[in-house]
Protein backbone atom coordinates (compact mmCIF):
# COMPACT_ATOMS: atom_id res chain seq x y z
CA MET A 1 -12.81 -23.00 4.00
CA LYS A 2 -8.73 -23.73 6.30
CA ASN A 3 -8.25 -20.91 9.07
CA SER A 4 -5.23 -20.77 10.36
CA TYR A 5 -6.75 -19.36 13.52
CA LEU A 6 -8.75 -20.88 16.39
CA PRO A 7 -12.33 -19.58 15.60
CA ASN A 8 -13.63 -20.04 19.19
CA ARG A 9 -10.51 -18.04 20.53
CA ILE A 10 -11.88 -14.31 21.91
CA ASP A 11 -8.41 -11.92 22.45
CA THR A 12 -11.22 -8.90 22.87
CA LEU A 13 -15.10 -8.99 23.39
CA ILE A 14 -17.63 -6.03 22.81
CA GLY A 15 -20.26 -7.66 24.60
CA ALA A 16 -24.05 -6.83 23.70
CA GLY A 17 -25.55 -3.87 24.80
CA THR A 18 -21.77 -2.17 24.60
CA HIS A 19 -21.99 1.21 22.39
CA VAL A 20 -18.40 1.86 21.46
CA GLN A 21 -17.83 5.44 19.28
CA GLY A 22 -14.95 5.68 17.48
CA ASP A 23 -11.68 3.59 15.60
CA ILE A 24 -10.97 0.30 17.21
CA ALA A 25 -7.19 -1.13 16.35
CA CYS A 26 -6.29 -4.78 17.81
CA THR A 27 -4.80 -7.71 17.48
CA GLY A 28 -5.75 -11.00 17.76
CA VAL A 29 -9.33 -11.80 17.36
CA LEU A 30 -12.11 -9.52 18.22
CA ARG A 31 -15.90 -10.39 18.94
CA ILE A 32 -18.38 -7.92 18.51
CA GLN A 33 -21.30 -8.62 19.96
CA GLY A 34 -22.82 -5.10 20.68
CA GLU A 35 -22.60 -2.08 18.13
CA VAL A 36 -19.30 -0.12 16.90
CA HIS A 37 -19.56 2.56 14.55
CA GLY A 38 -16.02 3.70 13.79
CA ASN A 39 -13.50 1.72 11.91
CA VAL A 40 -12.19 -1.94 13.04
CA LEU A 41 -8.93 -2.72 12.23
CA CYS A 42 -7.17 -6.36 13.73
CA HIS A 43 -3.50 -6.22 12.57
CA ARG A 44 -2.36 -9.23 10.35
CA ARG A 45 0.19 -10.54 11.37
CA SER A 46 -1.29 -11.45 14.29
CA GLY A 47 -3.26 -14.19 11.97
CA GLY A 48 -6.40 -12.95 13.90
CA ALA A 49 -9.72 -12.20 13.01
CA LEU A 50 -12.87 -9.99 13.38
CA VAL A 51 -15.96 -11.87 14.24
CA VAL A 52 -19.39 -9.72 14.33
CA ASP A 53 -21.49 -12.41 16.32
CA SER A 54 -25.71 -12.20 15.01
CA ALA A 55 -26.48 -9.42 17.25
CA GLY A 56 -23.54 -7.22 16.56
CA SER A 57 -23.36 -4.96 13.91
CA VAL A 58 -20.18 -2.67 12.80
CA ALA A 59 -21.04 0.29 10.90
CA GLY A 60 -17.74 1.32 9.18
CA ALA A 61 -14.53 -0.20 7.26
CA VAL A 62 -13.05 -3.51 8.18
CA ASP A 63 -9.47 -4.41 7.70
CA ALA A 64 -8.91 -7.98 9.17
CA PRO A 65 -7.40 -11.35 7.50
CA HIS A 66 -10.41 -13.12 8.25
CA VAL A 67 -13.97 -11.11 8.55
CA ILE A 68 -16.32 -13.95 10.08
CA VAL A 69 -19.69 -12.39 9.79
CA ARG A 70 -22.58 -13.29 11.26
CA GLY A 71 -24.55 -10.07 12.31
CA ARG A 72 -24.06 -6.70 10.20
CA ILE A 73 -21.42 -4.62 8.70
CA THR A 74 -22.35 -1.44 6.71
CA GLY A 75 -18.82 -0.29 5.26
CA PRO A 76 -16.00 -1.43 3.22
CA ALA A 77 -14.36 -4.57 3.92
CA HIS A 78 -10.64 -5.95 3.79
CA ALA A 79 -9.52 -9.56 4.47
CA CYS A 80 -6.10 -10.11 3.48
CA GLN A 81 -7.44 -13.73 3.62
CA SER A 82 -11.07 -15.07 4.01
CA VAL A 83 -14.32 -14.02 4.21
CA GLU A 84 -17.48 -15.87 5.63
CA ILE A 85 -21.01 -14.56 5.65
CA HIS A 86 -23.40 -16.66 7.53
CA PRO A 87 -27.48 -17.41 7.18
CA GLY A 88 -29.11 -14.23 8.58
CA ALA A 89 -25.62 -12.07 8.12
CA SER A 90 -25.46 -8.91 5.96
CA LEU A 91 -22.06 -7.21 4.59
CA VAL A 92 -23.11 -3.84 2.51
CA GLY A 93 -20.39 -2.18 0.59
CA ASP A 94 -17.09 -2.72 -1.45
CA VAL A 95 -15.60 -6.39 -0.17
CA SER A 96 -12.21 -7.97 -0.87
CA PHE A 97 -10.37 -10.76 -0.45
CA LYS A 98 -8.56 -13.63 -0.90
CA GLU A 99 -11.31 -16.51 -0.50
CA ILE A 100 -15.13 -16.03 0.24
CA ALA A 101 -17.95 -18.17 1.69
CA ILE A 102 -21.44 -16.56 1.75
CA HIS A 103 -24.10 -19.34 3.27
CA ALA A 104 -27.50 -20.37 2.62
CA GLY A 105 -29.16 -17.09 3.79
CA GLY A 106 -26.62 -14.81 3.98
């Protein structure tokens, strides 16, 4: 899967042990290692991504150009480009995408 963003780039980090209650809108790459209870929007024109790390979780709607799940998303997800679901990860909800990669165990 070709990525137009830098997968190791982090513009915004919600660290482990952090709990966010409410909606988030961002540009660039948002990495979540904590918990978010609310909707997450990463603006499309930023070429960004939402990365939910293995200890991270999102309970709410997700909309980002690229969605990379190593943790858990519960809610609908929309990616105008790609969705990646890694081993041990889960995405529970309706999903729309241009490309998808579901790794073994995901």
